[in-house]
Each structure stands twice: as structure tokens, then as C-alpha cells.
């Protein structure tokens, strides 16, 4: 899975258009509810070094931050495709390496995050 596939999924399922909020990071895309503007996802390309994967490696990795129950965050972080949330609350959010998980898993994680961030 990649960022473009995530954007297609959220457009089809949640009628979400990614929002690009930062000049400094023009490719970082926020996924948020149309009604309450709460974020349910954040798609980014982050260096392996910044993610703590390979020190000094500036190769970019496409990732997705999603909100989950703290127990699920803790459990998933035991698997290699999942990392502590990048620039988000690490108790409630998790970073998913998009190229490391099946599309069905990304769909499920987005559905959970969407549900947790509704009114």
C-alpha cells in the first residue's frame, strides 16, 4: 500500500480530501472528518533516520499515523511494521509503515481511527 492508495480509499469510503497544512512539509497530508475537523489520519514520507529505523539513513518511508485504543497501540508496537507515533500522542496514536502491511489491515486501522474520532 502507498499514500495514493490511502487517499483513494478515504475519498471513496469517508469522502475525505487530504489537507496539506504545512509549507515546510508540503507532502504531509492530514485526513480529517468533514463535520468536526478532527484528525483520524496523517500520511507522511519520513526518513528512516527520523523514524529511528536506520541511523543516518535519509531514505524516505511512507507512513500513516492513526488513532487506536492504547492497548492496541501497545500490542501492535511489538510488530516490526509499527512504530511509536511520529509527532503524535504515543499512547493513543501509532505510525504504520505503509509498505509493510496489507491493504486490508490499513483499511481496518483507518476504520478504527475514524470511529474513535467521531463526535
PDB file of N, CA and C in Angstrom:
ATOM      1  N   UNK A   1       0.854  -1.174   0.000  1.00  0.00           N
ATOM      2  CA  UNK A   1       0.000   0.000   0.000  1.00  0.00           C
ATOM      3  C   UNK A   1       0.901   1.238   0.000  1.00  0.00           C
ATOM      4  N   UNK A   2       0.384   2.319  -0.566  1.00  0.00           N
ATOM      5  CA  UNK A   2       1.133   3.566  -0.583  1.00  0.00           C
ATOM      6  C   UNK A   2       0.176   4.729  -0.295  1.00  0.00           C
ATOM      7  N   UNK A   3       0.718   5.928  -0.248  1.00  0.00           N
ATOM      8  CA  UNK A   3      -0.073   7.109   0.101  1.00  0.00           C
ATOM      9  C   UNK A   3      -1.226   7.315  -0.873  1.00  0.00           C
ATOM     10  N   UNK A   4      -0.979   7.151  -2.164  1.00  0.00           N
ATOM     11  CA  UNK A   4      -2.040   7.368  -3.147  1.00  0.00           C
ATOM     12  C   UNK A   4      -3.194   6.385  -2.963  1.00  0.00           C
ATOM     13  N   UNK A   5      -2.877   5.158  -2.597  1.00  0.00           N
ATOM     14  CA  UNK A   5      -3.927   4.163  -2.330  1.00  0.00           C
ATOM     15  C   UNK A   5      -4.729   4.546  -1.086  1.00  0.00           C
ATOM     16  N   UNK A   6      -4.059   5.091  -0.080  1.00  0.00           N
ATOM     17  CA  UNK A   6      -4.755   5.566   1.118  1.00  0.00           C
ATOM     18  C   UNK A   6      -5.696   6.709   0.747  1.00  0.00           C
ATOM     19  N   UNK A   7      -5.218   7.647  -0.061  1.00  0.00           N
ATOM     20  CA  UNK A   7      -6.054   8.789  -0.464  1.00  0.00           C
ATOM     21  C   UNK A   7      -7.291   8.332  -1.239  1.00  0.00           C
ATOM     22  N   UNK A   8      -7.124   7.339  -2.103  1.00  0.00           N
ATOM     23  CA  UNK A   8      -8.269   6.812  -2.847  1.00  0.00           C
ATOM     24  C   UNK A   8      -9.253   6.140  -1.891  1.00  0.00           C
ATOM     25  N   UNK A   9      -8.737   5.353  -0.970  1.00  0.00           N
ATOM     26  CA  UNK A   9      -9.579   4.666  -0.002  1.00  0.00           C
ATOM     27  C   UNK A   9     -10.411   5.643   0.821  1.00  0.00           C
ATOM     28  N   UNK A  10      -9.764   6.669   1.375  1.00  0.00           N
ATOM     29  CA  UNK A  10     -10.506   7.605   2.238  1.00  0.00           C
ATOM     30  C   UNK A  10     -11.452   8.486   1.435  1.00  0.00           C
ATOM     31  N   UNK A  11     -11.129   8.759   0.174  1.00  0.00           N
ATOM     32  CA  UNK A  11     -12.050   9.510  -0.676  1.00  0.00           C
ATOM     33  C   UNK A  11     -13.308   8.692  -0.942  1.00  0.00           C
ATOM     34  N   UNK A  12     -13.132   7.418  -1.257  1.00  0.00           N
ATOM     35  CA  UNK A  12     -14.262   6.539  -1.557  1.00  0.00           C
ATOM     36  C   UNK A  12     -15.099   6.221  -0.318  1.00  0.00           C
ATOM     37  N   UNK A  13     -14.431   5.914   0.774  1.00  0.00           N
ATOM     38  CA  UNK A  13     -15.142   5.441   1.962  1.00  0.00           C
ATOM     39  C   UNK A  13     -15.640   6.563   2.866  1.00  0.00           C
ATOM     40  N   UNK A  14     -14.845   7.623   3.031  1.00  0.00           N
ATOM     41  CA  UNK A  14     -15.183   8.671   4.005  1.00  0.00           C
ATOM     42  C   UNK A  14     -15.365  10.051   3.371  1.00  0.00           C
ATOM     43  N   UNK A  15     -15.274  10.122   2.051  1.00  0.00           N
ATOM     44  CA  UNK A  15     -15.383  11.393   1.334  1.00  0.00           C
ATOM     45  C   UNK A  15     -14.382  12.420   1.877  1.00  0.00           C
ATOM     46  N   UNK A  16     -13.190  11.947   2.174  1.00  0.00           N
ATOM     47  CA  UNK A  16     -12.124  12.789   2.717  1.00  0.00           C
ATOM     48  C   UNK A  16     -11.168  13.210   1.606  1.00  0.00           C
ATOM     49  N   UNK A  17     -10.889  14.497   1.584  1.00  0.00           N
ATOM     50  CA  UNK A  17      -9.845  15.037   0.725  1.00  0.00           C
ATOM     51  C   UNK A  17      -8.674  15.400   1.626  1.00  0.00           C
ATOM     52  N   UNK A  18      -7.484  14.914   1.338  1.00  0.00           N
ATOM     53  CA  UNK A  18      -6.336  15.241   2.190  1.00  0.00           C
ATOM     54  C   UNK A  18      -6.129  16.749   2.286  1.00  0.00           C
ATOM     55  N   UNK A  19      -5.755  17.195   3.467  1.00  0.00           N
ATOM     56  CA  UNK A  19      -5.441  18.608   3.697  1.00  0.00           C
ATOM     57  C   UNK A  19      -3.936  18.730   3.894  1.00  0.00           C
ATOM     58  N   UNK A  20      -3.344  19.657   3.183  1.00  0.00           N
ATOM     59  CA  UNK A  20      -1.901  19.895   3.272  1.00  0.00           C
ATOM     60  C   UNK A  20      -1.720  21.201   4.034  1.00  0.00           C
ATOM     61  N   UNK A  21      -1.323  21.104   5.303  1.00  0.00           N
ATOM     62  CA  UNK A  21      -1.366  22.237   6.217  1.00  0.00           C
ATOM     63  C   UNK A  21      -0.046  22.979   6.398  1.00  0.00           C
ATOM     64  N   UNK A  22       1.067  22.384   5.990  1.00  0.00           N
ATOM     65  CA  UNK A  22       2.359  22.972   6.330  1.00  0.00           C
ATOM     66  C   UNK A  22       3.187  23.275   5.090  1.00  0.00           C
ATOM     67  N   UNK A  23       3.651  24.509   4.983  1.00  0.00           N
ATOM     68  CA  UNK A  23       4.547  24.875   3.880  1.00  0.00           C
ATOM     69  C   UNK A  23       5.852  24.101   3.957  1.00  0.00           C
ATOM     70  N   UNK A  24       6.338  23.935   5.164  1.00  0.00           N
ATOM     71  CA  UNK A  24       7.622  23.254   5.346  1.00  0.00           C
ATOM     72  C   UNK A  24       7.543  21.771   4.955  1.00  0.00           C
ATOM     73  N   UNK A  25       6.353  21.185   5.091  1.00  0.00           N
ATOM     74  CA  UNK A  25       6.150  19.770   4.764  1.00  0.00           C
ATOM     75  C   UNK A  25       4.975  19.650   3.782  1.00  0.00           C
ATOM     76  N   UNK A  26       5.178  20.045   2.544  1.00  0.00           N
ATOM     77  CA  UNK A  26       4.066  20.108   1.590  1.00  0.00           C
ATOM     78  C   UNK A  26       3.450  18.756   1.238  1.00  0.00           C
ATOM     79  N   UNK A  27       4.143  17.670   1.524  1.00  0.00           N
ATOM     80  CA  UNK A  27       3.617  16.340   1.209  1.00  0.00           C
ATOM     81  C   UNK A  27       2.933  15.665   2.393  1.00  0.00           C
ATOM     82  N   UNK A  28       2.952  16.284   3.569  1.00  0.00           N
ATOM     83  CA  UNK A  28       2.272  15.719   4.737  1.00  0.00           C
ATOM     84  C   UNK A  28       0.781  16.003   4.591  1.00  0.00           C
ATOM     85  N   UNK A  29      -0.022  14.956   4.604  1.00  0.00           N
ATOM     86  CA  UNK A  29      -1.456  15.086   4.360  1.00  0.00           C
ATOM     87  C   UNK A  29      -2.261  14.669   5.589  1.00  0.00           C
ATOM     88  N   UNK A  30      -3.102  15.562   6.045  1.00  0.00           N
ATOM     89  CA  UNK A  30      -3.980  15.296   7.182  1.00  0.00           C
ATOM     90  C   UNK A  30      -5.304  14.751   6.651  1.00  0.00           C
ATOM     91  N   UNK A  31      -5.783  13.698   7.298  1.00  0.00           N
ATOM     92  CA  UNK A  31      -7.096  13.135   6.993  1.00  0.00           C
ATOM     93  C   UNK A  31      -8.009  13.505   8.154  1.00  0.00           C
ATOM     94  N   UNK A  32      -9.083  14.240   7.853  1.00  0.00           N
ATOM     95  CA  UNK A  32      -9.953  14.667   8.947  1.00  0.00           C
ATOM     96  C   UNK A  32     -11.420  14.603   8.549  1.00  0.00           C
ATOM     97  N   UNK A  33     -12.238  14.518   9.591  1.00  0.00           N
ATOM     98  CA  UNK A  33     -13.686  14.480   9.406  1.00  0.00           C
ATOM     99  C   UNK A  33     -14.161  15.800   8.817  1.00  0.00           C
ATOM    100  N   UNK A  34     -15.134  15.729   7.927  1.00  0.00           N
ATOM    101  CA  UNK A  34     -15.689  16.938   7.329  1.00  0.00           C
ATOM    102  C   UNK A  34     -16.504  17.732   8.345  1.00  0.00           C
ATOM    103  N   UNK A  35     -17.194  17.044   9.258  1.00  0.00           N
ATOM    104  CA  UNK A  35     -18.090  17.746  10.181  1.00  0.00           C
ATOM    105  C   UNK A  35     -17.383  18.372  11.373  1.00  0.00           C
ATOM    106  N   UNK A  36     -16.482  17.642  12.013  1.00  0.00           N
ATOM    107  CA  UNK A  36     -15.855  18.176  13.239  1.00  0.00           C
ATOM    108  C   UNK A  36     -14.380  18.542  13.068  1.00  0.00           C
ATOM    109  N   UNK A  37     -13.834  18.304  11.885  1.00  0.00           N
ATOM    110  CA  UNK A  37     -12.435  18.625  11.549  1.00  0.00           C
ATOM    111  C   UNK A  37     -11.403  17.856  12.379  1.00  0.00           C
ATOM    112  N   UNK A  38     -11.837  16.859  13.150  1.00  0.00           N
ATOM    113  CA  UNK A  38     -10.878  16.058  13.923  1.00  0.00           C
ATOM    114  C   UNK A  38     -10.078  15.172  12.977  1.00  0.00           C
ATOM    115  N   UNK A  39      -8.804  15.061  13.299  1.00  0.00           N
ATOM    116  CA  UNK A  39      -7.913  14.227  12.503  1.00  0.00           C
ATOM    117  C   UNK A  39      -8.178  12.754  12.817  1.00  0.00           C
ATOM    118  N   UNK A  40      -8.184  11.925  11.786  1.00  0.00           N
ATOM    119  CA  UNK A  40      -8.199  10.480  12.005  1.00  0.00           C
ATOM    120  C   UNK A  40      -7.012   9.808  11.322  1.00  0.00           C
ATOM    121  N   UNK A  41      -6.219  10.606  10.625  1.00  0.00           N
ATOM    122  CA  UNK A  41      -5.030  10.054   9.993  1.00  0.00           C
ATOM    123  C   UNK A  41      -4.084  11.146   9.545  1.00  0.00           C
ATOM    124  N   UNK A  42      -2.844  10.764   9.396  1.00  0.00           N
ATOM    125  CA  UNK A  42      -1.805  11.660   8.910  1.00  0.00           C
ATOM    126  C   UNK A  42      -0.871  10.820   8.041  1.00  0.00           C
ATOM    127  N   UNK A  43      -0.742  11.194   6.770  1.00  0.00           N
ATOM    128  CA  UNK A  43       0.114  10.471   5.829  1.00  0.00           C
ATOM    129  C   UNK A  43       1.360  11.309   5.584  1.00  0.00           C
ATOM    130  N   UNK A  44       2.525  10.682   5.732  1.00  0.00           N
ATOM    131  CA  UNK A  44       3.795  11.399   5.605  1.00  0.00           C
ATOM    132  C   UNK A  44       4.832  10.511   4.931  1.00  0.00           C
ATOM    133  N   UNK A  45       5.853  11.142   4.398  1.00  0.00           N
ATOM    134  CA  UNK A  45       7.066  10.450   3.971  1.00  0.00           C
ATOM    135  C   UNK A  45       8.166  10.945   4.900  1.00  0.00           C
ATOM    136  N   UNK A  46       8.692  10.041   5.713  1.00  0.00           N
ATOM    137  CA  UNK A  46       9.644  10.387   6.766  1.00  0.00           C
ATOM    138  C   UNK A  46      10.906   9.553   6.579  1.00  0.00           C
ATOM    139  N   UNK A  47      12.049  10.140   6.865  1.00  0.00           N
ATOM    140  CA  UNK A  47      13.306   9.399   6.699  1.00  0.00           C
ATOM    141  C   UNK A  47      13.401   8.259   7.706  1.00  0.00           C
ATOM    142  N   UNK A  48      14.091   7.221   7.289  1.00  0.00           N
ATOM    143  CA  UNK A  48      14.312   6.076   8.181  1.00  0.00           C
ATOM    144  C   UNK A  48      15.031   6.519   9.438  1.00  0.00           C
ATOM    145  N   UNK A  49      15.909   7.485   9.295  1.00  0.00           N
ATOM    146  CA  UNK A  49      16.644   8.007  10.442  1.00  0.00           C
ATOM    147  C   UNK A  49      15.698   8.661  11.443  1.00  0.00           C
ATOM    148  N   UNK A  50      14.800   9.526  10.970  1.00  0.00           N
ATOM    149  CA  UNK A  50      13.864  10.203  11.878  1.00  0.00           C
ATOM    150  C   UNK A  50      12.894   9.233  12.547  1.00  0.00           C
ATOM    151  N   UNK A  51      12.608   8.131  11.873  1.00  0.00           N
ATOM    152  CA  UNK A  51      11.719   7.127  12.462  1.00  0.00           C
ATOM    153  C   UNK A  51      12.451   6.212  13.442  1.00  0.00           C
ATOM    154  N   UNK A  52      13.766   6.342  13.506  1.00  0.00           N
ATOM    155  CA  UNK A  52      14.554   5.502  14.403  1.00  0.00           C
ATOM    156  C   UNK A  52      14.828   4.120  13.834  1.00  0.00           C
ATOM    157  N   UNK A  53      14.670   3.964  12.530  1.00  0.00           N
ATOM    158  CA  UNK A  53      14.879   2.653  11.907  1.00  0.00           C
ATOM    159  C   UNK A  53      16.340   2.398  11.586  1.00  0.00           C
ATOM    160  N   UNK A  54      16.984   3.357  10.886  1.00  0.00           N
ATOM    161  CA  UNK A  54      18.389   3.217  10.485  1.00  0.00           C
ATOM    162  C   UNK A  54      19.067   4.565  10.696  1.00  0.00           C
ATOM    163  N   UNK A  55      19.898   4.687  11.722  1.00  0.00           N
ATOM    164  CA  UNK A  55      20.569   5.963  11.973  1.00  0.00           C
ATOM    165  C   UNK A  55      21.338   6.447  10.746  1.00  0.00           C
ATOM    166  N   UNK A  56      21.155   7.716  10.394  1.00  0.00           N
ATOM    167  CA  UNK A  56      21.870   8.313   9.275  1.00  0.00           C
ATOM    168  C   UNK A  56      21.273   8.034   7.904  1.00  0.00           C
ATOM    169  N   UNK A  57      20.251   7.177   7.820  1.00  0.00           N
ATOM    170  CA  UNK A  57      19.649   6.840   6.525  1.00  0.00           C
ATOM    171  C   UNK A  57      18.513   7.821   6.240  1.00  0.00           C
ATOM    172  N   UNK A  58      18.677   8.636   5.200  1.00  0.00           N
ATOM    173  CA  UNK A  58      17.684   9.653   4.860  1.00  0.00           C
ATOM    174  C   UNK A  58      16.670   9.169   3.821  1.00  0.00           C
ATOM    175  N   UNK A  59      16.678   7.868   3.533  1.00  0.00           N
ATOM    176  CA  UNK A  59      15.686   7.299   2.630  1.00  0.00           C
ATOM    177  C   UNK A  59      14.300   7.503   3.226  1.00  0.00           C
ATOM    178  N   UNK A  60      13.364   7.977   2.395  1.00  0.00           N
ATOM    179  CA  UNK A  60      12.012   8.254   2.881  1.00  0.00           C
ATOM    180  C   UNK A  60      11.141   6.996   2.871  1.00  0.00           C
ATOM    181  N   UNK A  61      10.296   6.902   3.887  1.00  0.00           N
ATOM    182  CA  UNK A  61       9.347   5.813   4.036  1.00  0.00           C
ATOM    183  C   UNK A  61       7.957   6.429   4.159  1.00  0.00           C
ATOM    184  N   UNK A  62       6.991   5.940   3.388  1.00  0.00           N
ATOM    185  CA  UNK A  62       5.623   6.428   3.522  1.00  0.00           C
ATOM    186  C   UNK A  62       4.979   5.777   4.736  1.00  0.00           C
ATOM    187  N   UNK A  63       4.436   6.625   5.610  1.00  0.00           N
ATOM    188  CA  UNK A  63       3.820   6.138   6.839  1.00  0.00           C
ATOM    189  C   UNK A  63       2.441   6.761   7.021  1.00  0.00           C
ATOM    190  N   UNK A  64       1.663   6.122   7.868  1.00  0.00           N
ATOM    191  CA  UNK A  64       0.334   6.584   8.226  1.00  0.00           C
ATOM    192  C   UNK A  64       0.224   6.572   9.738  1.00  0.00           C
ATOM    193  N   UNK A  65      -0.160   7.704  10.325  1.00  0.00           N
ATOM    194  CA  UNK A  65      -0.471   7.753  11.754  1.00  0.00           C
ATOM    195  C   UNK A  65      -1.973   7.588  11.910  1.00  0.00           C
ATOM    196  N   UNK A  66      -2.384   6.709  12.810  1.00  0.00           N
ATOM    197  CA  UNK A  66      -3.797   6.502  13.113  1.00  0.00           C
ATOM    198  C   UNK A  66      -3.993   6.440  14.616  1.00  0.00           C
ATOM    199  N   UNK A  67      -5.201   6.768  15.041  1.00  0.00           N
ATOM    200  CA  UNK A  67      -5.555   6.711  16.456  1.00  0.00           C
ATOM    201  C   UNK A  67      -6.165   5.349  16.756  1.00  0.00           C
ATOM    202  N   UNK A  68      -5.709   4.742  17.858  1.00  0.00           N
ATOM    203  CA  UNK A  68      -6.211   3.440  18.292  1.00  0.00           C
ATOM    204  C   UNK A  68      -6.373   3.441  19.801  1.00  0.00           C
ATOM    205  N   UNK A  69      -7.006   2.412  20.322  1.00  0.00           N
ATOM    206  CA  UNK A  69      -7.056   2.238  21.772  1.00  0.00           C
ATOM    207  C   UNK A  69      -5.637   1.989  22.267  1.00  0.00           C
ATOM    208  N   UNK A  70      -5.283   2.512  23.437  1.00  0.00           N
ATOM    209  CA  UNK A  70      -3.918   2.343  23.949  1.00  0.00           C
ATOM    210  C   UNK A  70      -3.450   0.889  24.009  1.00  0.00           C
ATOM    211  N   UNK A  71      -4.345  -0.027  24.310  1.00  0.00           N
ATOM    212  CA  UNK A  71      -3.958  -1.448  24.369  1.00  0.00           C
ATOM    213  C   UNK A  71      -3.536  -1.953  22.988  1.00  0.00           C
ATOM    214  N   UNK A  72      -4.254  -1.508  21.955  1.00  0.00           N
ATOM    215  CA  UNK A  72      -3.910  -1.912  20.593  1.00  0.00           C
ATOM    216  C   UNK A  72      -2.587  -1.287  20.152  1.00  0.00           C
ATOM    217  N   UNK A  73      -2.368  -0.039  20.543  1.00  0.00           N
ATOM    218  CA  UNK A  73      -1.100   0.630  20.224  1.00  0.00           C
ATOM    219  C   UNK A  73       0.055  -0.168  20.816  1.00  0.00           C
ATOM    220  N   UNK A  74      -0.075  -0.525  22.081  1.00  0.00           N
ATOM    221  CA  UNK A  74       0.990  -1.267  22.770  1.00  0.00           C
ATOM    222  C   UNK A  74       1.229  -2.625  22.112  1.00  0.00           C
ATOM    223  N   UNK A  75       0.164  -3.326  21.783  1.00  0.00           N
ATOM    224  CA  UNK A  75       0.286  -4.642  21.158  1.00  0.00           C
ATOM    225  C   UNK A  75       0.924  -4.556  19.772  1.00  0.00           C
ATOM    226  N   UNK A  76       0.462  -3.625  18.947  1.00  0.00           N
ATOM    227  CA  UNK A  76       0.987  -3.520  17.579  1.00  0.00           C
ATOM    228  C   UNK A  76       2.452  -3.120  17.548  1.00  0.00           C
ATOM    229  N   UNK A  77       2.892  -2.356  18.521  1.00  0.00           N
ATOM    230  CA  UNK A  77       4.297  -1.914  18.521  1.00  0.00           C
ATOM    231  C   UNK A  77       5.279  -3.060  18.736  1.00  0.00           C
ATOM    232  N   UNK A  78       4.782  -4.241  19.027  1.00  0.00           N
ATOM    233  CA  UNK A  78       5.663  -5.402  19.133  1.00  0.00           C
ATOM    234  C   UNK A  78       5.976  -5.982  17.748  1.00  0.00           C
ATOM    235  N   UNK A  79       5.262  -5.500  16.720  1.00  0.00           N
ATOM    236  CA  UNK A  79       5.475  -5.971  15.353  1.00  0.00           C
ATOM    237  C   UNK A  79       6.321  -4.953  14.584  1.00  0.00           C
ATOM    238  N   UNK A  80       7.176  -5.414  13.670  1.00  0.00           N
ATOM    239  CA  UNK A  80       8.127  -4.516  13.001  1.00  0.00           C
ATOM    240  C   UNK A  80       7.520  -3.430  12.121  1.00  0.00           C
ATOM    241  N   UNK A  81       6.317  -3.604  11.611  1.00  0.00           N
ATOM    242  CA  UNK A  81       5.716  -2.616  10.712  1.00  0.00           C
ATOM    243  C   UNK A  81       5.152  -1.397  11.441  1.00  0.00           C
ATOM    244  N   UNK A  82       5.138  -1.465  12.773  1.00  0.00           N
ATOM    245  CA  UNK A  82       4.501  -0.416  13.573  1.00  0.00           C
ATOM    246  C   UNK A  82       5.524   0.257  14.478  1.00  0.00           C
ATOM    247  N   UNK A  83       5.398   1.579  14.580  1.00  0.00           N
ATOM    248  CA  UNK A  83       6.350   2.374  15.353  1.00  0.00           C
ATOM    249  C   UNK A  83       5.599   3.315  16.292  1.00  0.00           C
ATOM    250  N   UNK A  84       6.287   3.816  17.320  1.00  0.00           N
ATOM    251  CA  UNK A  84       5.655   4.861  18.133  1.00  0.00           C
ATOM    252  C   UNK A  84       5.243   6.020  17.223  1.00  0.00           C
ATOM    253  N   UNK A  85       4.138   6.622  17.522  1.00  0.00           N
ATOM    254  CA  UNK A  85       3.584   7.668  16.664  1.00  0.00           C
ATOM    255  C   UNK A  85       4.595   8.781  16.414  1.00  0.00           C
ATOM    256  N   UNK A  86       4.731   9.136  15.154  1.00  0.00           N
ATOM    257  CA  UNK A  86       5.627  10.215  14.755  1.00  0.00           C
ATOM    258  C   UNK A  86       4.862  11.526  14.880  1.00  0.00           C
ATOM    259  N   UNK A  87       5.287  12.372  15.788  1.00  0.00           N
ATOM    260  CA  UNK A  87       4.693  13.697  16.032  1.00  0.00           C
ATOM    261  C   UNK A  87       3.250  13.657  16.526  1.00  0.00           C
ATOM    262  N   UNK A  88       2.863  12.586  17.183  1.00  0.00           N
ATOM    263  CA  UNK A  88       1.516  12.487  17.745  1.00  0.00           C
ATOM    264  C   UNK A  88       1.640  11.866  19.138  1.00  0.00           C
ATOM    265  N   UNK A  89       0.535  11.865  19.877  1.00  0.00           N
ATOM    266  CA  UNK A  89       0.496  11.266  21.206  1.00  0.00           C
ATOM    267  C   UNK A  89       0.805   9.772  21.074  1.00  0.00           C
ATOM    268  N   UNK A  90       1.869   9.333  21.699  1.00  0.00           N
ATOM    269  CA  UNK A  90       2.337   7.965  21.526  1.00  0.00           C
ATOM    270  C   UNK A  90       1.505   6.932  22.280  1.00  0.00           C
ATOM    271  N   UNK A  91       0.637   7.379  23.160  1.00  0.00           N
ATOM    272  CA  UNK A  91      -0.251   6.446  23.872  1.00  0.00           C
ATOM    273  C   UNK A  91      -1.476   6.102  23.025  1.00  0.00           C
ATOM    274  N   UNK A  92      -1.965   7.043  22.253  1.00  0.00           N
ATOM    275  CA  UNK A  92      -3.202   6.855  21.507  1.00  0.00           C
ATOM    276  C   UNK A  92      -3.012   6.739  19.995  1.00  0.00           C
ATOM    277  N   UNK A  93      -1.838   7.048  19.502  1.00  0.00           N
ATOM    278  CA  UNK A  93      -1.579   7.016  18.064  1.00  0.00           C
ATOM    279  C   UNK A  93      -0.407   6.092  17.761  1.00  0.00           C
ATOM    280  N   UNK A  94      -0.391   5.567  16.554  1.00  0.00           N
ATOM    281  CA  UNK A  94       0.684   4.682  16.121  1.00  0.00           C
ATOM    282  C   UNK A  94       1.055   5.025  14.677  1.00  0.00           C
ATOM    283  N   UNK A  95       2.309   4.812  14.326  1.00  0.00           N
ATOM    284  CA  UNK A  95       2.787   5.005  12.959  1.00  0.00           C
ATOM    285  C   UNK A  95       2.878   3.645  12.278  1.00  0.00           C
ATOM    286  N   UNK A  96       2.298   3.570  11.096  1.00  0.00           N
ATOM    287  CA  UNK A  96       2.276   2.342  10.311  1.00  0.00           C
ATOM    288  C   UNK A  96       3.121   2.553   9.052  1.00  0.00           C
ATOM    289  N   UNK A  97       4.074   1.667   8.813  1.00  0.00           N
ATOM    290  CA  UNK A  97       4.854   1.719   7.580  1.00  0.00           C
ATOM    291  C   UNK A  97       3.981   1.112   6.467  1.00  0.00           C
ATOM    292  N   UNK A  98       3.542   1.956   5.558  1.00  0.00           N
ATOM    293  CA  UNK A  98       2.549   1.527   4.575  1.00  0.00           C
ATOM    294  C   UNK A  98       3.003   0.367   3.695  1.00  0.00           C
ATOM    295  N   UNK A  99       4.278   0.296   3.386  1.00  0.00           N
ATOM    296  CA  UNK A  99       4.750  -0.782   2.512  1.00  0.00           C
ATOM    297  C   UNK A  99       4.956  -2.099   3.255  1.00  0.00           C
ATOM    298  N   UNK A 100       4.688  -2.108   4.552  1.00  0.00           N
ATOM    299  CA  UNK A 100       4.924  -3.300   5.373  1.00  0.00           C
ATOM    300  C   UNK A 100       3.646  -4.032   5.792  1.00  0.00           C
ATOM    301  N   UNK A 101       2.475  -3.456   5.473  1.00  0.00           N
ATOM    302  CA  UNK A 101       1.222  -4.080   5.905  1.00  0.00           C
ATOM    303  C   UNK A 101       0.273  -4.243   4.719  1.00  0.00           C
ATOM    304  N   UNK A 102      -0.619  -5.207   4.840  1.00  0.00           N
ATOM    305  CA  UNK A 102      -1.596  -5.481   3.784  1.00  0.00           C
ATOM    306  C   UNK A 102      -2.642  -4.372   3.713  1.00  0.00           C
ATOM    307  N   UNK A 103      -3.172  -4.118   2.525  1.00  0.00           N
ATOM    308  CA  UNK A 103      -4.211  -3.101   2.383  1.00  0.00           C
ATOM    309  C   UNK A 103      -5.406  -3.316   3.317  1.00  0.00           C
ATOM    310  N   UNK A 104      -5.791  -4.552   3.537  1.00  0.00           N
ATOM    311  CA  UNK A 104      -6.927  -4.829   4.430  1.00  0.00           C
ATOM    312  C   UNK A 104      -6.636  -4.368   5.858  1.00  0.00           C
ATOM    313  N   UNK A 105      -5.398  -4.467   6.277  1.00  0.00           N
ATOM    314  CA  UNK A 105      -5.010  -4.015   7.615  1.00  0.00           C
ATOM    315  C   UNK A 105      -5.102  -2.490   7.688  1.00  0.00           C
ATOM    316  N   UNK A 106      -4.618  -1.808   6.661  1.00  0.00           N
ATOM    317  CA  UNK A 106      -4.699  -0.348   6.619  1.00  0.00           C
ATOM    318  C   UNK A 106      -6.169   0.087   6.651  1.00  0.00           C
ATOM    319  N   UNK A 107      -7.013  -0.595   5.887  1.00  0.00           N
ATOM    320  CA  UNK A 107      -8.446  -0.281   5.890  1.00  0.00           C
ATOM    321  C   UNK A 107      -9.033  -0.414   7.288  1.00  0.00           C
ATOM    322  N   UNK A 108      -8.695  -1.488   7.975  1.00  0.00           N
ATOM    323  CA  UNK A 108      -9.209  -1.726   9.332  1.00  0.00           C
ATOM    324  C   UNK A 108      -8.700  -0.670  10.313  1.00  0.00           C
ATOM    325  N   UNK A 109      -7.431  -0.329  10.220  1.00  0.00           N
ATOM    326  CA  UNK A 109      -6.866   0.682  11.118  1.00  0.00           C
ATOM    327  C   UNK A 109      -7.504   2.047  10.881  1.00  0.00           C
ATOM    328  N   UNK A 110      -7.705   2.402   9.626  1.00  0.00           N
ATOM    329  CA  UNK A 110      -8.363   3.675   9.309  1.00  0.00           C
ATOM    330  C   UNK A 110      -9.807   3.685   9.804  1.00  0.00           C
ATOM    331  N   UNK A 111     -10.507   2.573   9.660  1.00  0.00           N
ATOM    332  CA  UNK A 111     -11.896   2.488  10.135  1.00  0.00           C
ATOM    333  C   UNK A 111     -11.962   2.685  11.645  1.00  0.00           C
ATOM    334  N   UNK A 112     -11.047   2.070  12.361  1.00  0.00           N
ATOM    335  CA  UNK A 112     -10.996   2.217  13.815  1.00  0.00           C
ATOM    336  C   UNK A 112     -10.689   3.667  14.192  1.00  0.00           C
ATOM    337  N   UNK A 113      -9.691   4.248  13.544  1.00  0.00           N
ATOM    338  CA  UNK A 113      -9.310   5.627  13.840  1.00  0.00           C
ATOM    339  C   UNK A 113     -10.458   6.576  13.522  1.00  0.00           C
ATOM    340  N   UNK A 114     -11.117   6.352  12.413  1.00  0.00           N
ATOM    341  CA  UNK A 114     -12.255   7.198  12.020  1.00  0.00           C
ATOM    342  C   UNK A 114     -13.346   7.128  13.090  1.00  0.00           C
ATOM    343  N   UNK A 115     -13.640   5.928  13.538  1.00  0.00           N
ATOM    344  CA  UNK A 115     -14.677   5.727  14.550  1.00  0.00           C
ATOM    345  C   UNK A 115     -14.285   6.387  15.880  1.00  0.00           C
ATOM    346  N   UNK A 116     -13.055   6.260  16.278  1.00  0.00           N
ATOM    347  CA  UNK A 116     -12.598   6.828  17.555  1.00  0.00           C
ATOM    348  C   UNK A 116     -12.596   8.347  17.556  1.00  0.00           C
ATOM    349  N   UNK A 117     -12.579   8.960  16.394  1.00  0.00           N
ATOM    350  CA  UNK A 117     -12.505  10.414  16.316  1.00  0.00           C
ATOM    351  C   UNK A 117     -13.811  11.069  15.888  1.00  0.00           C
ATOM    352  N   UNK A 118     -14.880  10.288  15.831  1.00  0.00           N
ATOM    353  CA  UNK A 118     -16.178  10.889  15.532  1.00  0.00           C
ATOM    354  C   UNK A 118     -16.692  11.604  16.772  1.00  0.00           C
ATOM    355  N   UNK A 119     -17.746  12.395  16.578  1.00  0.00           N
ATOM    356  CA  UNK A 119     -18.313  13.144  17.710  1.00  0.00           C
ATOM    357  C   UNK A 119     -18.796  12.204  18.796  1.00  0.00           C
TER     358      UNK A 119
END
